[in-house]
Amino acid sequence: MTNILLEYYDIGAEWLRPALGKHLRAGQKAVVIAFSFRDSQVRTHEEFLALYGQGGKYHEGISDGLTSYGIRREDIAFVDYFADTPETAAEKLVGADIVYLPGGLPDRMLDRIREFGLEERIRRFPGILIGYSAGAMVQLGEYHISPDEDYPEFVYREGLGVLDGFYFEPHYEGNPEQDEAIRRVLRERGRPLYATAFASGAIIIEDGKMETVGDVRVFRP
């Protein structure tokens, strides 16, 4: 598995293209598991489609990023939380080269992945696992959440466990809440933490080798 941890869904950004172009190419098939939505924003299938359906904000942004590397639009499938079943979702993963985990709420994403019985399939996926923000965080065995508008308190959560040995802070801007959370992780867990600067940092891990791209700050115990 190749793991790509991103800031945002604009994967066609010029600063990312040289690094991602080594992994993304024409002929690949991608599956987007669109399970990270906020319960307050998506209560019906219509609200889901407004974000992840054809013409929806995130559907188009994610698809445009992938097609910029030559991947055909018809080779990009979205798992629809309201229309798909565990069986049809699993079928979409068959033959895929890329699994894409969007941003949003990491804990709710994992709740829904488990509800659909996809957790082990993702863990054993042999291809490229891409995630931005929440979709990057959940790739870890354990991730932390710094206080923000969605999560008023610091918290640790169990992730998918396809990566281990470090922690990840997306959208790093050096604000007091983030810095205090980072100090707490270093103190309590004793492992390095990688912080990607807002809209300008990424991490790629292939065969256990890590490559940082753009603005990535490393904090060590």
C-alpha atoms as a PDB file:
ATOM      1  CA  MET A   1       0.000   0.000   0.000  1.00  0.00           C
ATOM      2  CA  THR A   2       1.039   3.560  -0.738  1.00  0.00           C
ATOM      3  CA  ASN A   3      -0.366   6.126   1.699  1.00  0.00           C
ATOM      4  CA  ILE A   4      -0.896   9.747   0.729  1.00  0.00           C
ATOM      5  CA  LEU A   5      -1.810  12.222   3.484  1.00  0.00           C
ATOM      6  CA  LEU A   6      -3.062  15.531   2.167  1.00  0.00           C
ATOM      7  CA  GLU A   7      -4.349  18.887   3.342  1.00  0.00           C
ATOM      8  CA  TYR A   8      -7.157  19.417   0.867  1.00  0.00           C
ATOM      9  CA  TYR A   9      -8.818  17.885  -2.186  1.00  0.00           C
ATOM     10  CA  ASP A  10      -7.004  20.165  -4.647  1.00  0.00           C
ATOM     11  CA  ILE A  11      -4.585  17.408  -5.632  1.00  0.00           C
ATOM     12  CA  GLY A  12      -3.985  19.046  -8.990  1.00  0.00           C
ATOM     13  CA  ALA A  13      -2.173  21.973  -7.336  1.00  0.00           C
ATOM     14  CA  GLU A  14       1.157  22.724  -8.998  1.00  0.00           C
ATOM     15  CA  TRP A  15       3.180  22.232  -5.806  1.00  0.00           C
ATOM     16  CA  LEU A  16       1.839  18.668  -5.511  1.00  0.00           C
ATOM     17  CA  ARG A  17       2.017  17.513  -9.104  1.00  0.00           C
ATOM     18  CA  PRO A  18       5.689  16.405  -9.258  1.00  0.00           C
ATOM     19  CA  ALA A  19       5.251  14.155  -6.202  1.00  0.00           C
ATOM     20  CA  LEU A  20       1.778  12.784  -6.913  1.00  0.00           C
ATOM     21  CA  GLY A  21       2.572  12.303 -10.591  1.00  0.00           C
ATOM     22  CA  LYS A  22       4.829   9.410  -9.567  1.00  0.00           C
ATOM     23  CA  HIS A  23       1.796   7.541  -8.227  1.00  0.00           C
ATOM     24  CA  LEU A  24      -1.310   8.714 -10.088  1.00  0.00           C
ATOM     25  CA  ARG A  25      -1.662   7.996 -13.805  1.00  0.00           C
ATOM     26  CA  ALA A  26      -4.010   7.257 -16.662  1.00  0.00           C
ATOM     27  CA  GLY A  27      -5.705   3.881 -16.563  1.00  0.00           C
ATOM     28  CA  GLN A  28      -6.157   3.763 -12.792  1.00  0.00           C
ATOM     29  CA  LYS A  29      -9.540   3.333 -11.135  1.00  0.00           C
ATOM     30  CA  ALA A  30     -10.514   5.193  -7.986  1.00  0.00           C
ATOM     31  CA  VAL A  31     -13.206   4.709  -5.347  1.00  0.00           C
ATOM     32  CA  VAL A  32     -14.187   7.624  -3.114  1.00  0.00           C
ATOM     33  CA  ILE A  33     -15.668   6.556   0.226  1.00  0.00           C
ATOM     34  CA  ALA A  34     -17.697   9.677   0.969  1.00  0.00           C
ATOM     35  CA  PHE A  35     -18.524   8.929   4.603  1.00  0.00           C
ATOM     36  CA  SER A  36     -16.999  11.899   6.465  1.00  0.00           C
ATOM     37  CA  PHE A  37     -19.958  14.278   6.227  1.00  0.00           C
ATOM     38  CA  ARG A  38     -21.396  16.125   9.208  1.00  0.00           C
ATOM     39  CA  ASP A  39     -24.727  14.807  10.475  1.00  0.00           C
ATOM     40  CA  SER A  40     -26.007  18.369  10.769  1.00  0.00           C
ATOM     41  CA  GLN A  41     -25.315  19.048   7.070  1.00  0.00           C
ATOM     42  CA  VAL A  42     -26.343  15.739   5.507  1.00  0.00           C
ATOM     43  CA  ARG A  43     -29.625  14.289   6.743  1.00  0.00           C
ATOM     44  CA  THR A  44     -31.139  13.137   3.449  1.00  0.00           C
ATOM     45  CA  HIS A  45     -29.989  11.587   0.193  1.00  0.00           C
ATOM     46  CA  GLU A  46     -30.618  14.895  -1.559  1.00  0.00           C
ATOM     47  CA  GLU A  47     -28.268  16.698   0.823  1.00  0.00           C
ATOM     48  CA  PHE A  48     -25.657  13.990   0.280  1.00  0.00           C
ATOM     49  CA  LEU A  49     -25.898  14.358  -3.495  1.00  0.00           C
ATOM     50  CA  ALA A  50     -25.502  18.132  -3.221  1.00  0.00           C
ATOM     51  CA  LEU A  51     -21.992  17.468  -1.906  1.00  0.00           C
ATOM     52  CA  TYR A  52     -20.940  14.135  -3.422  1.00  0.00           C
ATOM     53  CA  GLY A  53     -23.307  13.547  -6.340  1.00  0.00           C
ATOM     54  CA  GLN A  54     -22.686  14.521  -9.957  1.00  0.00           C
ATOM     55  CA  GLY A  55     -22.186  18.283 -10.005  1.00  0.00           C
ATOM     56  CA  GLY A  56     -21.824  18.455  -6.226  1.00  0.00           C
ATOM     57  CA  LYS A  57     -19.104  20.583  -4.637  1.00  0.00           C
ATOM     58  CA  TYR A  58     -16.832  17.794  -3.429  1.00  0.00           C
ATOM     59  CA  HIS A  59     -17.669  15.406  -6.255  1.00  0.00           C
ATOM     60  CA  GLU A  60     -16.387  17.849  -8.828  1.00  0.00           C
ATOM     61  CA  GLY A  61     -13.370  18.975  -6.807  1.00  0.00           C
ATOM     62  CA  ILE A  62     -12.206  15.417  -6.126  1.00  0.00           C
ATOM     63  CA  SER A  63     -12.944  14.213  -9.665  1.00  0.00           C
ATOM     64  CA  ASP A  64     -11.190  17.188 -11.267  1.00  0.00           C
ATOM     65  CA  GLY A  65      -8.091  16.535  -9.190  1.00  0.00           C
ATOM     66  CA  LEU A  66      -7.930  12.884 -10.215  1.00  0.00           C
ATOM     67  CA  THR A  67      -8.657  13.535 -13.892  1.00  0.00           C
ATOM     68  CA  SER A  68      -5.829  16.072 -13.991  1.00  0.00           C
ATOM     69  CA  TYR A  69      -3.487  13.052 -13.761  1.00  0.00           C
ATOM     70  CA  GLY A  70      -5.167  11.315 -16.677  1.00  0.00           C
ATOM     71  CA  ILE A  71      -7.627   9.180 -14.716  1.00  0.00           C
ATOM     72  CA  ARG A  72     -10.907   8.999 -16.612  1.00  0.00           C
ATOM     73  CA  ARG A  73     -14.010  10.411 -14.975  1.00  0.00           C
ATOM     74  CA  GLU A  74     -15.881   7.179 -15.703  1.00  0.00           C
ATOM     75  CA  ASP A  75     -13.204   5.326 -13.690  1.00  0.00           C
ATOM     76  CA  ILE A  76     -14.012   7.289 -10.515  1.00  0.00           C
ATOM     77  CA  ALA A  77     -16.767   5.778  -8.358  1.00  0.00           C
ATOM     78  CA  PHE A  78     -18.293   7.297  -5.240  1.00  0.00           C
ATOM     79  CA  VAL A  79     -19.700   5.124  -2.461  1.00  0.00           C
ATOM     80  CA  ASP A  80     -23.127   6.619  -1.718  1.00  0.00           C
ATOM     81  CA  TYR A  81     -24.014   6.227   1.954  1.00  0.00           C
ATOM     82  CA  PHE A  82     -27.742   6.403   1.232  1.00  0.00           C
ATOM     83  CA  ALA A  83     -27.971   4.423  -2.021  1.00  0.00           C
ATOM     84  CA  ASP A  84     -25.238   1.801  -1.653  1.00  0.00           C
ATOM     85  CA  THR A  85     -25.340  -1.305   0.511  1.00  0.00           C
ATOM     86  CA  PRO A  86     -22.381  -3.063   2.153  1.00  0.00           C
ATOM     87  CA  GLU A  87     -22.428  -5.446  -0.807  1.00  0.00           C
ATOM     88  CA  THR A  88     -22.470  -2.809  -3.556  1.00  0.00           C
ATOM     89  CA  ALA A  89     -19.847  -0.737  -1.715  1.00  0.00           C
ATOM     90  CA  ALA A  90     -17.549  -3.768  -1.526  1.00  0.00           C
ATOM     91  CA  GLU A  91     -18.101  -4.423  -5.237  1.00  0.00           C
ATOM     92  CA  LYS A  92     -16.901  -0.921  -6.070  1.00  0.00           C
ATOM     93  CA  LEU A  93     -13.596  -1.676  -4.354  1.00  0.00           C
ATOM     94  CA  VAL A  94     -12.958  -4.705  -6.555  1.00  0.00           C
ATOM     95  CA  GLY A  95     -10.373  -3.812  -9.174  1.00  0.00           C
ATOM     96  CA  ALA A  96      -9.740  -0.333  -7.768  1.00  0.00           C
ATOM     97  CA  ASP A  97      -6.222   1.098  -7.760  1.00  0.00           C
ATOM     98  CA  ILE A  98      -7.029   4.024  -5.474  1.00  0.00           C
ATOM     99  CA  VAL A  99      -9.196   4.390  -2.378  1.00  0.00           C
ATOM    100  CA  TYR A 100      -9.904   8.030  -1.565  1.00  0.00           C
ATOM    101  CA  LEU A 101     -11.038   9.185   1.899  1.00  0.00           C
ATOM    102  CA  PRO A 102     -12.344  12.794   1.969  1.00  0.00           C
ATOM    103  CA  GLY A 103     -12.096  15.358   4.730  1.00  0.00           C
ATOM    104  CA  GLY A 104     -14.749  16.110   7.317  1.00  0.00           C
ATOM    105  CA  LEU A 105     -15.351  14.282  10.584  1.00  0.00           C
ATOM    106  CA  PRO A 106     -12.858  11.432  11.110  1.00  0.00           C
ATOM    107  CA  ASP A 107     -14.805   9.610  13.827  1.00  0.00           C
ATOM    108  CA  ARG A 108     -18.077   9.643  11.866  1.00  0.00           C
ATOM    109  CA  MET A 109     -16.230   8.452   8.766  1.00  0.00           C
ATOM    110  CA  LEU A 110     -14.947   5.430  10.676  1.00  0.00           C
ATOM    111  CA  ASP A 111     -18.368   4.777  12.201  1.00  0.00           C
ATOM    112  CA  ARG A 112     -19.843   4.519   8.718  1.00  0.00           C
ATOM    113  CA  ILE A 113     -16.934   2.506   7.308  1.00  0.00           C
ATOM    114  CA  ARG A 114     -17.516  -0.024  10.090  1.00  0.00           C
ATOM    115  CA  GLU A 115     -21.267   0.067   9.530  1.00  0.00           C
ATOM    116  CA  PHE A 116     -20.639  -0.982   5.912  1.00  0.00           C
ATOM    117  CA  GLY A 117     -18.105  -3.633   6.915  1.00  0.00           C
ATOM    118  CA  LEU A 118     -15.319  -1.970   4.901  1.00  0.00           C
ATOM    119  CA  GLU A 119     -12.689  -1.537   7.620  1.00  0.00           C
ATOM    120  CA  GLU A 120     -10.774  -4.740   6.977  1.00  0.00           C
ATOM    121  CA  ARG A 121     -11.038  -4.323   3.206  1.00  0.00           C
ATOM    122  CA  ILE A 122      -9.380  -0.920   3.470  1.00  0.00           C
ATOM    123  CA  ARG A 123      -6.684  -2.252   5.805  1.00  0.00           C
ATOM    124  CA  ARG A 124      -5.828  -4.967   3.286  1.00  0.00           C
ATOM    125  CA  PHE A 125      -6.125  -2.748   0.226  1.00  0.00           C
ATOM    126  CA  PRO A 126      -2.984  -3.269  -1.892  1.00  0.00           C
ATOM    127  CA  GLY A 127      -3.116  -0.035  -3.880  1.00  0.00           C
ATOM    128  CA  ILE A 128      -2.972   3.685  -3.103  1.00  0.00           C
ATOM    129  CA  LEU A 129      -4.839   5.051  -0.082  1.00  0.00           C
ATOM    130  CA  ILE A 130      -5.364   8.788  -0.393  1.00  0.00           C
ATOM    131  CA  GLY A 131      -6.895  10.915   2.334  1.00  0.00           C
ATOM    132  CA  TYR A 132      -7.132  14.603   2.977  1.00  0.00           C
ATOM    133  CA  SER A 133      -7.605  16.110   6.437  1.00  0.00           C
ATOM    134  CA  ALA A 134      -9.874  13.618   8.246  1.00  0.00           C
ATOM    135  CA  GLY A 135      -9.179  11.051   5.530  1.00  0.00           C
ATOM    136  CA  ALA A 136      -5.480  11.324   6.305  1.00  0.00           C
ATOM    137  CA  MET A 137      -5.894  11.222  10.074  1.00  0.00           C
ATOM    138  CA  VAL A 138      -7.874   7.979  10.123  1.00  0.00           C
ATOM    139  CA  GLN A 139      -5.107   6.087   8.341  1.00  0.00           C
ATOM    140  CA  LEU A 140      -3.184   6.038  11.636  1.00  0.00           C
ATOM    141  CA  GLY A 141      -3.563   3.449  14.363  1.00  0.00           C
ATOM    142  CA  GLU A 142      -4.403   6.256  16.757  1.00  0.00           C
ATOM    143  CA  TYR A 143      -5.018   9.869  15.835  1.00  0.00           C
ATOM    144  CA  HIS A 144      -5.706  12.982  17.873  1.00  0.00           C
ATOM    145  CA  ILE A 145      -8.083  15.852  17.242  1.00  0.00           C
ATOM    146  CA  SER A 146      -7.088  19.363  18.258  1.00  0.00           C
ATOM    147  CA  PRO A 147      -9.936  21.585  19.491  1.00  0.00           C
ATOM    148  CA  ASP A 148     -11.792  23.318  16.657  1.00  0.00           C
ATOM    149  CA  GLU A 149     -15.321  24.281  15.637  1.00  0.00           C
ATOM    150  CA  ASP A 150     -16.366  20.625  15.321  1.00  0.00           C
ATOM    151  CA  TYR A 151     -14.548  19.245  18.377  1.00  0.00           C
ATOM    152  CA  PRO A 152     -14.466  21.581  21.384  1.00  0.00           C
ATOM    153  CA  GLU A 153     -12.096  19.331  23.360  1.00  0.00           C
ATOM    154  CA  PHE A 154      -8.860  17.484  22.606  1.00  0.00           C
ATOM    155  CA  VAL A 155      -9.418  13.782  22.045  1.00  0.00           C
ATOM    156  CA  TYR A 156      -7.645  10.603  20.923  1.00  0.00           C
ATOM    157  CA  ARG A 157      -9.434   8.177  18.627  1.00  0.00           C
ATOM    158  CA  GLU A 158      -8.678   4.749  17.193  1.00  0.00           C
ATOM    159  CA  GLY A 159      -7.980   4.796  13.450  1.00  0.00           C
ATOM    160  CA  LEU A 160      -7.710   2.222  10.685  1.00  0.00           C
ATOM    161  CA  GLY A 161      -4.190   1.236  11.715  1.00  0.00           C
ATOM    162  CA  VAL A 162      -2.599   1.083   8.276  1.00  0.00           C
ATOM    163  CA  LEU A 163       0.072   3.510   9.534  1.00  0.00           C
ATOM    164  CA  ASP A 164       1.712   3.733  12.925  1.00  0.00           C
ATOM    165  CA  GLY A 165       4.608   5.291  14.785  1.00  0.00           C
ATOM    166  CA  PHE A 166       3.697   8.968  14.381  1.00  0.00           C
ATOM    167  CA  TYR A 167       0.873  11.479  14.740  1.00  0.00           C
ATOM    168  CA  PHE A 168      -0.512  13.912  12.201  1.00  0.00           C
ATOM    169  CA  GLU A 169      -1.763  17.494  12.546  1.00  0.00           C
ATOM    170  CA  PRO A 170      -3.406  18.843   9.357  1.00  0.00           C
ATOM    171  CA  HIS A 171      -4.063  22.518   8.592  1.00  0.00           C
ATOM    172  CA  TYR A 172      -1.265  23.648  10.887  1.00  0.00           C
ATOM    173  CA  GLU A 173      -1.253  27.409  11.471  1.00  0.00           C
ATOM    174  CA  GLY A 174       0.593  27.575  14.777  1.00  0.00           C
ATOM    175  CA  ASN A 175      -2.397  28.718  16.792  1.00  0.00           C
ATOM    176  CA  PRO A 176      -2.437  28.153  20.584  1.00  0.00           C
ATOM    177  CA  GLU A 177      -4.938  25.290  20.409  1.00  0.00           C
ATOM    178  CA  GLN A 178      -2.850  23.373  17.896  1.00  0.00           C
ATOM    179  CA  ASP A 179       0.431  24.003  19.686  1.00  0.00           C
ATOM    180  CA  GLU A 180      -0.981  22.873  23.019  1.00  0.00           C
ATOM    181  CA  ALA A 181      -2.403  19.735  21.410  1.00  0.00           C
ATOM    182  CA  ILE A 182       0.965  18.967  19.832  1.00  0.00           C
ATOM    183  CA  ARG A 183       2.784  19.393  23.144  1.00  0.00           C
ATOM    184  CA  ARG A 184       0.265  17.065  24.766  1.00  0.00           C
ATOM    185  CA  VAL A 185       0.719  14.357  22.129  1.00  0.00           C
ATOM    186  CA  LEU A 186       4.506  14.539  22.404  1.00  0.00           C
ATOM    187  CA  ARG A 187       4.331  14.387  26.201  1.00  0.00           C
ATOM    188  CA  GLU A 188       1.748  11.614  26.484  1.00  0.00           C
ATOM    189  CA  ARG A 189       2.621   9.436  23.496  1.00  0.00           C
ATOM    190  CA  GLY A 190       6.339  10.077  23.003  1.00  0.00           C
ATOM    191  CA  ARG A 191       6.195   9.812  19.225  1.00  0.00           C
ATOM    192  CA  PRO A 192       6.996  12.304  16.462  1.00  0.00           C
ATOM    193  CA  LEU A 193       4.224  14.426  15.031  1.00  0.00           C
ATOM    194  CA  TYR A 194       4.069  15.729  11.459  1.00  0.00           C
ATOM    195  CA  ALA A 195       2.148  18.946  10.899  1.00  0.00           C
ATOM    196  CA  THR A 196       1.208  19.960   7.365  1.00  0.00           C
ATOM    197  CA  ALA A 197       0.849  23.696   6.869  1.00  0.00           C
ATOM    198  CA  PHE A 198      -2.541  24.928   5.742  1.00  0.00           C
ATOM    199  CA  ALA A 199      -3.075  24.104   2.044  1.00  0.00           C
ATOM    200  CA  SER A 200       0.636  23.597   1.420  1.00  0.00           C
ATOM    201  CA  GLY A 201       1.926  20.322   2.902  1.00  0.00           C
ATOM    202  CA  ALA A 202       1.610  16.589   2.237  1.00  0.00           C
ATOM    203  CA  ILE A 203       3.140  13.246   3.214  1.00  0.00           C
ATOM    204  CA  ILE A 204       3.664  10.195   1.001  1.00  0.00           C
ATOM    205  CA  ILE A 205       4.627   6.821   2.464  1.00  0.00           C
ATOM    206  CA  GLU A 206       5.621   3.967   0.181  1.00  0.00           C
ATOM    207  CA  ASP A 207       7.148   0.703   1.359  1.00  0.00           C
ATOM    208  CA  GLY A 208       7.746   2.256   4.764  1.00  0.00           C
ATOM    209  CA  LYS A 209       9.675   5.225   3.349  1.00  0.00           C
ATOM    210  CA  MET A 210       8.281   8.676   4.076  1.00  0.00           C
ATOM    211  CA  GLU A 211       8.500  11.655   1.745  1.00  0.00           C
ATOM    212  CA  THR A 212       7.353  15.078   2.896  1.00  0.00           C
ATOM    213  CA  VAL A 213       6.115  17.488   0.252  1.00  0.00           C
ATOM    214  CA  GLY A 214       5.821  21.243   0.639  1.00  0.00           C
ATOM    215  CA  ASP A 215       5.553  22.802   4.072  1.00  0.00           C
ATOM    216  CA  VAL A 216       5.660  20.033   6.685  1.00  0.00           C
ATOM    217  CA  ARG A 217       6.931  20.660  10.202  1.00  0.00           C
ATOM    218  CA  VAL A 218       8.223  17.793  12.332  1.00  0.00           C
ATOM    219  CA  PHE A 219       7.813  17.878  16.119  1.00  0.00           C
ATOM    220  CA  ARG A 220       9.720  15.343  18.217  1.00  0.00           C
ATOM    221  CA  PRO A 221       9.431  14.374  21.890  1.00  0.00           C
END
